[in-house]
Amino acid sequence: MQRLAVRIALCAVLCLALAGCAGASPDEETTGQSASGEQTEETTATGPVAPAELGERLAAGGYVVYLRHAATDLSESDAELRSLQDLSDCSLQRNLTGEGREQAEEIGAAFERAGIPVGEVLASPYCRNRETAELAFGRVEATEDLLSPEYVPEDEAERFADFAPVVRGLISETPPEGENTVLVGHESVLRTVTGESVEEGGAAIFQPLGGEEYRFVGSVAPDEWSEFGAEG
């Protein structure tokens, strides 16, 4: 009798466990993540957040927009830098093309059209990044915090070796209420730190969660800015 009672109890536990597994929904929204870079993408049952909805969310403020600089001639290369002071000399760098300048202005127009409030605008010291910010938002604060070793002179590389936590700190910092922070940076920095990648003139949108954590919300391709504030 005692053995029978034990078997009945084990069966009951197994049934409860199976019922719990069956109750999990495969379509639940995923949320995620963090300063470790092991983030999860916010999705709905149908996929990542669409650009039009991203525009609506940004209009409420509270996000960080990592914008890759606008279009350049990728057949060109930056000259070897002798010092960080060389970053003030645009003739040594790969710069925006005419298309890139128009693209930057279109990005700014998309923000205005969608009523997206912009607070702090930080950019890599490279001319293509600063010019993108100026054309899109009319202002910029250049910062070395958006650089990695590949973008600095060889004798400065060690100082920038631990760049990832610095960039994560920028992405995870909550903007003042009703504002969005814009970071105009480089693709390889974004990819290394977050695992996300965008084309020139594209952007990755993050929601800071506090405590150096953040959630990747979605991305905007260069040809999707027209969807911001568009009447449906």
C-alpha atoms as a PDB file:
ATOM      1  CA  MET A   1       0.000   0.000   0.000  1.00  0.00           C
ATOM      2  CA  GLN A   2       2.813   2.388   0.866  1.00  0.00           C
ATOM      3  CA  ARG A   3       4.464   1.830  -2.555  1.00  0.00           C
ATOM      4  CA  LEU A   4       1.130   2.423  -4.293  1.00  0.00           C
ATOM      5  CA  ALA A   5       0.672   5.729  -2.468  1.00  0.00           C
ATOM      6  CA  VAL A   6       4.140   6.876  -3.521  1.00  0.00           C
ATOM      7  CA  ARG A   7       3.432   6.006  -7.166  1.00  0.00           C
ATOM      8  CA  ILE A   8       0.133   7.924  -7.080  1.00  0.00           C
ATOM      9  CA  ALA A   9       1.897  10.981  -5.623  1.00  0.00           C
ATOM     10  CA  LEU A  10       4.609  10.874  -8.297  1.00  0.00           C
ATOM     11  CA  CYS A  11       1.999  10.663 -11.047  1.00  0.00           C
ATOM     12  CA  ALA A  12       0.209  13.685  -9.633  1.00  0.00           C
ATOM     13  CA  VAL A  13       3.418  15.747  -9.614  1.00  0.00           C
ATOM     14  CA  LEU A  14       4.201  14.722 -13.215  1.00  0.00           C
ATOM     15  CA  CYS A  15       0.725  15.709 -14.404  1.00  0.00           C
ATOM     16  CA  LEU A  16       1.011  19.140 -12.788  1.00  0.00           C
ATOM     17  CA  ALA A  17       4.404  19.709 -14.448  1.00  0.00           C
ATOM     18  CA  LEU A  18       3.049  18.759 -17.873  1.00  0.00           C
ATOM     19  CA  ALA A  19       0.071  21.064 -17.412  1.00  0.00           C
ATOM     20  CA  GLY A  20       2.385  23.956 -16.582  1.00  0.00           C
ATOM     21  CA  CYS A  21       4.420  23.414 -19.765  1.00  0.00           C
ATOM     22  CA  ALA A  22       1.282  23.254 -21.886  1.00  0.00           C
ATOM     23  CA  GLY A  23       0.158  26.613 -20.512  1.00  0.00           C
ATOM     24  CA  ALA A  24       3.171  28.496 -21.875  1.00  0.00           C
ATOM     25  CA  SER A  25       2.337  30.533 -24.974  1.00  0.00           C
ATOM     26  CA  PRO A  26       4.840  30.624 -27.884  1.00  0.00           C
ATOM     27  CA  ASP A  27       3.510  34.037 -28.895  1.00  0.00           C
ATOM     28  CA  GLU A  28       4.313  35.867 -25.662  1.00  0.00           C
ATOM     29  CA  GLU A  29       6.221  39.151 -26.114  1.00  0.00           C
ATOM     30  CA  THR A  30       9.904  38.843 -25.332  1.00  0.00           C
ATOM     31  CA  THR A  31      11.707  41.461 -23.331  1.00  0.00           C
ATOM     32  CA  GLY A  32      15.267  41.866 -22.603  1.00  0.00           C
ATOM     33  CA  GLN A  33      18.422  43.070 -21.660  1.00  0.00           C
ATOM     34  CA  SER A  34      21.532  44.370 -20.513  1.00  0.00           C
ATOM     35  CA  ALA A  35      24.902  45.823 -19.987  1.00  0.00           C
ATOM     36  CA  SER A  36      26.470  42.470 -20.716  1.00  0.00           C
ATOM     37  CA  GLY A  37      25.361  42.865 -24.324  1.00  0.00           C
ATOM     38  CA  GLU A  38      23.282  39.675 -24.054  1.00  0.00           C
ATOM     39  CA  GLN A  39      20.137  41.514 -24.992  1.00  0.00           C
ATOM     40  CA  THR A  40      16.909  40.212 -26.442  1.00  0.00           C
ATOM     41  CA  GLU A  41      14.939  42.006 -29.090  1.00  0.00           C
ATOM     42  CA  GLU A  42      11.516  43.344 -28.169  1.00  0.00           C
ATOM     43  CA  THR A  43       8.989  41.704 -30.463  1.00  0.00           C
ATOM     44  CA  THR A  44       5.315  41.175 -30.890  1.00  0.00           C
ATOM     45  CA  ALA A  45       3.712  37.964 -32.126  1.00  0.00           C
ATOM     46  CA  THR A  46       4.332  39.212 -35.683  1.00  0.00           C
ATOM     47  CA  GLY A  47       7.970  40.280 -35.333  1.00  0.00           C
ATOM     48  CA  PRO A  48      10.099  43.348 -34.446  1.00  0.00           C
ATOM     49  CA  VAL A  49       8.478  46.719 -33.844  1.00  0.00           C
ATOM     50  CA  ALA A  50       7.714  48.368 -37.207  1.00  0.00           C
ATOM     51  CA  PRO A  51       9.259  51.759 -38.141  1.00  0.00           C
ATOM     52  CA  ALA A  52       5.925  53.615 -38.045  1.00  0.00           C
ATOM     53  CA  GLU A  53       5.308  52.383 -34.499  1.00  0.00           C
ATOM     54  CA  LEU A  54       8.881  53.223 -33.535  1.00  0.00           C
ATOM     55  CA  GLY A  55       8.180  56.802 -34.582  1.00  0.00           C
ATOM     56  CA  GLU A  56       5.113  56.893 -32.339  1.00  0.00           C
ATOM     57  CA  ARG A  57       7.057  55.529 -29.382  1.00  0.00           C
ATOM     58  CA  LEU A  58       9.914  57.971 -29.871  1.00  0.00           C
ATOM     59  CA  ALA A  59       7.412  60.829 -29.849  1.00  0.00           C
ATOM     60  CA  ALA A  60       6.784  60.042 -26.177  1.00  0.00           C
ATOM     61  CA  GLY A  61      10.495  60.258 -25.325  1.00  0.00           C
ATOM     62  CA  GLY A  62      12.588  57.996 -23.155  1.00  0.00           C
ATOM     63  CA  TYR A  63      14.685  56.235 -25.819  1.00  0.00           C
ATOM     64  CA  VAL A  64      18.247  56.226 -27.111  1.00  0.00           C
ATOM     65  CA  VAL A  65      18.679  56.378 -30.885  1.00  0.00           C
ATOM     66  CA  TYR A  66      22.001  55.008 -32.135  1.00  0.00           C
ATOM     67  CA  LEU A  67      22.241  56.540 -35.598  1.00  0.00           C
ATOM     68  CA  ARG A  68      24.939  55.434 -37.991  1.00  0.00           C
ATOM     69  CA  HIS A  69      26.336  58.395 -39.926  1.00  0.00           C
ATOM     70  CA  ALA A  70      24.709  59.079 -43.304  1.00  0.00           C
ATOM     71  CA  ALA A  71      25.953  57.806 -46.683  1.00  0.00           C
ATOM     72  CA  THR A  72      29.626  58.021 -47.654  1.00  0.00           C
ATOM     73  CA  ASP A  73      31.695  56.738 -50.560  1.00  0.00           C
ATOM     74  CA  LEU A  74      32.721  53.348 -49.181  1.00  0.00           C
ATOM     75  CA  SER A  75      35.461  53.036 -51.801  1.00  0.00           C
ATOM     76  CA  GLU A  76      37.328  55.775 -49.920  1.00  0.00           C
ATOM     77  CA  SER A  77      39.314  55.216 -46.736  1.00  0.00           C
ATOM     78  CA  ASP A  78      40.350  57.356 -43.808  1.00  0.00           C
ATOM     79  CA  ALA A  79      43.991  58.385 -43.798  1.00  0.00           C
ATOM     80  CA  GLU A  80      46.161  57.010 -41.014  1.00  0.00           C
ATOM     81  CA  LEU A  81      45.781  59.325 -38.045  1.00  0.00           C
ATOM     82  CA  ARG A  82      48.882  60.713 -36.361  1.00  0.00           C
ATOM     83  CA  SER A  83      46.902  62.008 -33.389  1.00  0.00           C
ATOM     84  CA  LEU A  84      43.304  62.550 -32.343  1.00  0.00           C
ATOM     85  CA  GLN A  85      43.772  66.181 -33.343  1.00  0.00           C
ATOM     86  CA  ASP A  86      43.675  64.977 -36.959  1.00  0.00           C
ATOM     87  CA  LEU A  87      39.952  64.337 -36.532  1.00  0.00           C
ATOM     88  CA  SER A  88      39.396  68.067 -36.984  1.00  0.00           C
ATOM     89  CA  ASP A  89      40.866  67.799 -40.506  1.00  0.00           C
ATOM     90  CA  CYS A  90      38.088  66.490 -42.746  1.00  0.00           C
ATOM     91  CA  SER A  91      40.465  66.181 -45.710  1.00  0.00           C
ATOM     92  CA  LEU A  92      41.996  63.119 -44.024  1.00  0.00           C
ATOM     93  CA  GLN A  93      38.673  61.317 -43.684  1.00  0.00           C
ATOM     94  CA  ARG A  94      35.928  59.558 -45.597  1.00  0.00           C
ATOM     95  CA  ASN A  95      33.161  62.141 -45.654  1.00  0.00           C
ATOM     96  CA  LEU A  96      29.471  62.378 -46.474  1.00  0.00           C
ATOM     97  CA  THR A  97      28.554  62.383 -50.147  1.00  0.00           C
ATOM     98  CA  GLY A  98      25.918  64.719 -51.561  1.00  0.00           C
ATOM     99  CA  GLU A  99      23.445  61.878 -51.127  1.00  0.00           C
ATOM    100  CA  GLY A 100      24.574  61.492 -47.532  1.00  0.00           C
ATOM    101  CA  ARG A 101      23.949  65.162 -46.772  1.00  0.00           C
ATOM    102  CA  GLU A 102      20.451  64.915 -48.232  1.00  0.00           C
ATOM    103  CA  GLN A 103      19.901  61.738 -46.242  1.00  0.00           C
ATOM    104  CA  ALA A 104      20.891  63.463 -42.990  1.00  0.00           C
ATOM    105  CA  GLU A 105      18.477  66.309 -43.686  1.00  0.00           C
ATOM    106  CA  GLU A 106      15.714  63.795 -44.418  1.00  0.00           C
ATOM    107  CA  ILE A 107      16.344  62.107 -41.074  1.00  0.00           C
ATOM    108  CA  GLY A 108      15.938  65.434 -39.313  1.00  0.00           C
ATOM    109  CA  ALA A 109      12.744  66.106 -41.267  1.00  0.00           C
ATOM    110  CA  ALA A 110      11.399  62.690 -40.225  1.00  0.00           C
ATOM    111  CA  PHE A 111      11.963  63.517 -36.552  1.00  0.00           C
ATOM    112  CA  GLU A 112      10.166  66.847 -36.961  1.00  0.00           C
ATOM    113  CA  ARG A 113       7.301  65.305 -38.923  1.00  0.00           C
ATOM    114  CA  ALA A 114       6.737  62.661 -36.251  1.00  0.00           C
ATOM    115  CA  GLY A 115       7.048  65.165 -33.405  1.00  0.00           C
ATOM    116  CA  ILE A 116      10.018  63.343 -31.871  1.00  0.00           C
ATOM    117  CA  PRO A 117      11.684  65.365 -29.094  1.00  0.00           C
ATOM    118  CA  VAL A 118      15.476  65.342 -29.229  1.00  0.00           C
ATOM    119  CA  GLY A 119      17.575  66.058 -26.173  1.00  0.00           C
ATOM    120  CA  GLU A 120      21.292  65.405 -26.116  1.00  0.00           C
ATOM    121  CA  VAL A 121      22.969  64.792 -29.493  1.00  0.00           C
ATOM    122  CA  LEU A 122      26.362  63.104 -29.153  1.00  0.00           C
ATOM    123  CA  ALA A 123      28.581  62.136 -32.076  1.00  0.00           C
ATOM    124  CA  SER A 124      31.918  60.550 -32.800  1.00  0.00           C
ATOM    125  CA  PRO A 125      34.518  63.259 -33.548  1.00  0.00           C
ATOM    126  CA  TYR A 126      34.800  62.069 -37.172  1.00  0.00           C
ATOM    127  CA  CYS A 127      33.595  64.677 -39.672  1.00  0.00           C
ATOM    128  CA  ARG A 128      30.987  62.365 -41.217  1.00  0.00           C
ATOM    129  CA  ASN A 129      29.371  61.826 -37.817  1.00  0.00           C
ATOM    130  CA  ARG A 130      29.438  65.449 -36.735  1.00  0.00           C
ATOM    131  CA  GLU A 131      28.080  66.616 -40.083  1.00  0.00           C
ATOM    132  CA  THR A 132      25.260  64.052 -39.956  1.00  0.00           C
ATOM    133  CA  ALA A 133      24.225  65.363 -36.541  1.00  0.00           C
ATOM    134  CA  GLU A 134      24.469  69.017 -37.582  1.00  0.00           C
ATOM    135  CA  LEU A 135      22.396  68.518 -40.734  1.00  0.00           C
ATOM    136  CA  ALA A 136      19.768  66.381 -39.004  1.00  0.00           C
ATOM    137  CA  PHE A 137      19.406  68.147 -35.662  1.00  0.00           C
ATOM    138  CA  GLY A 138      21.206  71.476 -35.979  1.00  0.00           C
ATOM    139  CA  ARG A 139      23.591  70.789 -33.107  1.00  0.00           C
ATOM    140  CA  VAL A 140      26.101  68.258 -31.863  1.00  0.00           C
ATOM    141  CA  GLU A 141      28.502  67.514 -29.043  1.00  0.00           C
ATOM    142  CA  ALA A 142      31.496  65.506 -30.219  1.00  0.00           C
ATOM    143  CA  THR A 143      32.686  62.809 -27.836  1.00  0.00           C
ATOM    144  CA  GLU A 144      35.515  60.293 -27.886  1.00  0.00           C
ATOM    145  CA  ASP A 145      33.218  57.934 -25.944  1.00  0.00           C
ATOM    146  CA  LEU A 146      31.850  56.675 -29.275  1.00  0.00           C
ATOM    147  CA  LEU A 147      35.264  55.590 -30.572  1.00  0.00           C
ATOM    148  CA  SER A 148      36.919  52.173 -30.502  1.00  0.00           C
ATOM    149  CA  PRO A 149      40.602  51.280 -31.083  1.00  0.00           C
ATOM    150  CA  GLU A 150      40.133  50.932 -34.848  1.00  0.00           C
ATOM    151  CA  TYR A 151      39.194  54.613 -35.114  1.00  0.00           C
ATOM    152  CA  VAL A 152      42.155  56.084 -33.246  1.00  0.00           C
ATOM    153  CA  PRO A 153      45.931  56.307 -33.803  1.00  0.00           C
ATOM    154  CA  GLU A 154      47.836  53.145 -32.940  1.00  0.00           C
ATOM    155  CA  ASP A 155      49.559  54.715 -29.950  1.00  0.00           C
ATOM    156  CA  GLU A 156      46.130  55.647 -28.511  1.00  0.00           C
ATOM    157  CA  ALA A 157      44.514  52.235 -29.048  1.00  0.00           C
ATOM    158  CA  GLU A 158      45.199  50.912 -25.557  1.00  0.00           C
ATOM    159  CA  ARG A 159      43.330  53.838 -24.008  1.00  0.00           C
ATOM    160  CA  PHE A 160      40.209  52.869 -25.971  1.00  0.00           C
ATOM    161  CA  ALA A 161      40.508  49.097 -25.496  1.00  0.00           C
ATOM    162  CA  ASP A 162      37.722  49.023 -22.907  1.00  0.00           C
ATOM    163  CA  PHE A 163      35.286  51.041 -25.025  1.00  0.00           C
ATOM    164  CA  ALA A 164      32.328  48.636 -24.820  1.00  0.00           C
ATOM    165  CA  PRO A 165      31.248  49.446 -21.222  1.00  0.00           C
ATOM    166  CA  VAL A 166      31.497  53.149 -22.039  1.00  0.00           C
ATOM    167  CA  VAL A 167      29.163  52.831 -25.032  1.00  0.00           C
ATOM    168  CA  ARG A 168      26.792  50.587 -23.065  1.00  0.00           C
ATOM    169  CA  GLY A 169      26.668  53.293 -20.435  1.00  0.00           C
ATOM    170  CA  LEU A 170      25.527  55.822 -23.045  1.00  0.00           C
ATOM    171  CA  ILE A 171      22.869  53.456 -24.401  1.00  0.00           C
ATOM    172  CA  SER A 172      21.531  52.537 -20.962  1.00  0.00           C
ATOM    173  CA  GLU A 173      21.358  56.090 -19.590  1.00  0.00           C
ATOM    174  CA  THR A 174      17.743  57.239 -19.350  1.00  0.00           C
ATOM    175  CA  PRO A 175      17.156  60.625 -21.056  1.00  0.00           C
ATOM    176  CA  PRO A 176      15.368  63.438 -19.227  1.00  0.00           C
ATOM    177  CA  GLU A 177      11.603  62.994 -19.224  1.00  0.00           C
ATOM    178  CA  GLY A 178      10.035  63.713 -22.612  1.00  0.00           C
ATOM    179  CA  GLU A 179      13.336  63.580 -24.510  1.00  0.00           C
ATOM    180  CA  ASN A 180      15.331  61.109 -26.590  1.00  0.00           C
ATOM    181  CA  THR A 181      19.105  60.898 -26.730  1.00  0.00           C
ATOM    182  CA  VAL A 182      20.753  60.584 -30.146  1.00  0.00           C
ATOM    183  CA  LEU A 183      24.158  58.938 -30.568  1.00  0.00           C
ATOM    184  CA  VAL A 184      25.718  59.337 -34.024  1.00  0.00           C
ATOM    185  CA  GLY A 185      28.320  56.612 -34.206  1.00  0.00           C
ATOM    186  CA  HIS A 186      30.022  53.916 -36.244  1.00  0.00           C
ATOM    187  CA  GLU A 187      28.563  50.567 -37.294  1.00  0.00           C
ATOM    188  CA  SER A 188      31.383  48.412 -35.957  1.00  0.00           C
ATOM    189  CA  VAL A 189      31.074  49.982 -32.510  1.00  0.00           C
ATOM    190  CA  LEU A 190      27.321  49.330 -32.477  1.00  0.00           C
ATOM    191  CA  ARG A 191      27.779  45.741 -33.651  1.00  0.00           C
ATOM    192  CA  THR A 192      30.533  44.943 -31.169  1.00  0.00           C
ATOM    193  CA  VAL A 193      28.668  46.362 -28.188  1.00  0.00           C
ATOM    194  CA  THR A 194      25.078  45.314 -28.923  1.00  0.00           C
ATOM    195  CA  GLY A 195      25.193  42.719 -31.689  1.00  0.00           C
ATOM    196  CA  GLU A 196      22.998  44.958 -33.874  1.00  0.00           C
ATOM    197  CA  SER A 197      23.972  46.317 -37.290  1.00  0.00           C
ATOM    198  CA  VAL A 198      22.490  49.054 -39.485  1.00  0.00           C
ATOM    199  CA  GLU A 199      23.341  50.594 -42.850  1.00  0.00           C
ATOM    200  CA  GLU A 200      24.660  54.117 -43.274  1.00  0.00           C
ATOM    201  CA  GLY A 201      21.796  56.440 -42.389  1.00  0.00           C
ATOM    202  CA  GLY A 202      20.016  53.711 -40.423  1.00  0.00           C
ATOM    203  CA  ALA A 203      19.384  53.569 -36.688  1.00  0.00           C
ATOM    204  CA  ALA A 204      18.964  51.117 -33.833  1.00  0.00           C
ATOM    205  CA  ILE A 205      16.504  52.106 -31.105  1.00  0.00           C
ATOM    206  CA  PHE A 206      17.085  51.203 -27.464  1.00  0.00           C
ATOM    207  CA  GLN A 207      15.011  51.628 -24.316  1.00  0.00           C
ATOM    208  CA  PRO A 208      17.167  52.255 -21.229  1.00  0.00           C
ATOM    209  CA  LEU A 209      16.053  50.122 -18.286  1.00  0.00           C
ATOM    210  CA  GLY A 210      18.262  51.558 -15.552  1.00  0.00           C
ATOM    211  CA  GLY A 211      21.178  49.924 -13.832  1.00  0.00           C
ATOM    212  CA  GLU A 212      23.203  49.876 -17.065  1.00  0.00           C
ATOM    213  CA  GLU A 213      20.585  47.707 -18.726  1.00  0.00           C
ATOM    214  CA  TYR A 214      18.662  48.350 -21.919  1.00  0.00           C
ATOM    215  CA  ARG A 215      16.303  46.719 -24.387  1.00  0.00           C
ATOM    216  CA  PHE A 216      16.721  46.721 -28.169  1.00  0.00           C
ATOM    217  CA  VAL A 217      13.348  47.849 -29.527  1.00  0.00           C
ATOM    218  CA  GLY A 218      13.866  47.865 -33.288  1.00  0.00           C
ATOM    219  CA  SER A 219      15.780  49.395 -36.166  1.00  0.00           C
ATOM    220  CA  VAL A 220      15.121  51.849 -38.968  1.00  0.00           C
ATOM    221  CA  ALA A 221      16.608  51.310 -42.433  1.00  0.00           C
ATOM    222  CA  PRO A 222      17.671  54.388 -44.435  1.00  0.00           C
ATOM    223  CA  ASP A 223      14.621  54.142 -46.706  1.00  0.00           C
ATOM    224  CA  GLU A 224      12.186  53.781 -43.787  1.00  0.00           C
ATOM    225  CA  TRP A 225      12.465  57.291 -42.337  1.00  0.00           C
ATOM    226  CA  SER A 226       9.662  58.317 -44.696  1.00  0.00           C
ATOM    227  CA  GLU A 227       7.294  56.207 -42.580  1.00  0.00           C
ATOM    228  CA  PHE A 228       7.841  58.434 -39.550  1.00  0.00           C
ATOM    229  CA  GLY A 229       4.838  60.705 -39.118  1.00  0.00           C
ATOM    230  CA  ALA A 230       3.334  59.588 -42.422  1.00  0.00           C
ATOM    231  CA  GLU A 231      -0.440  59.698 -42.537  1.00  0.00           C
ATOM    232  CA  GLY A 232      -1.838  56.246 -42.999  1.00  0.00           C
END
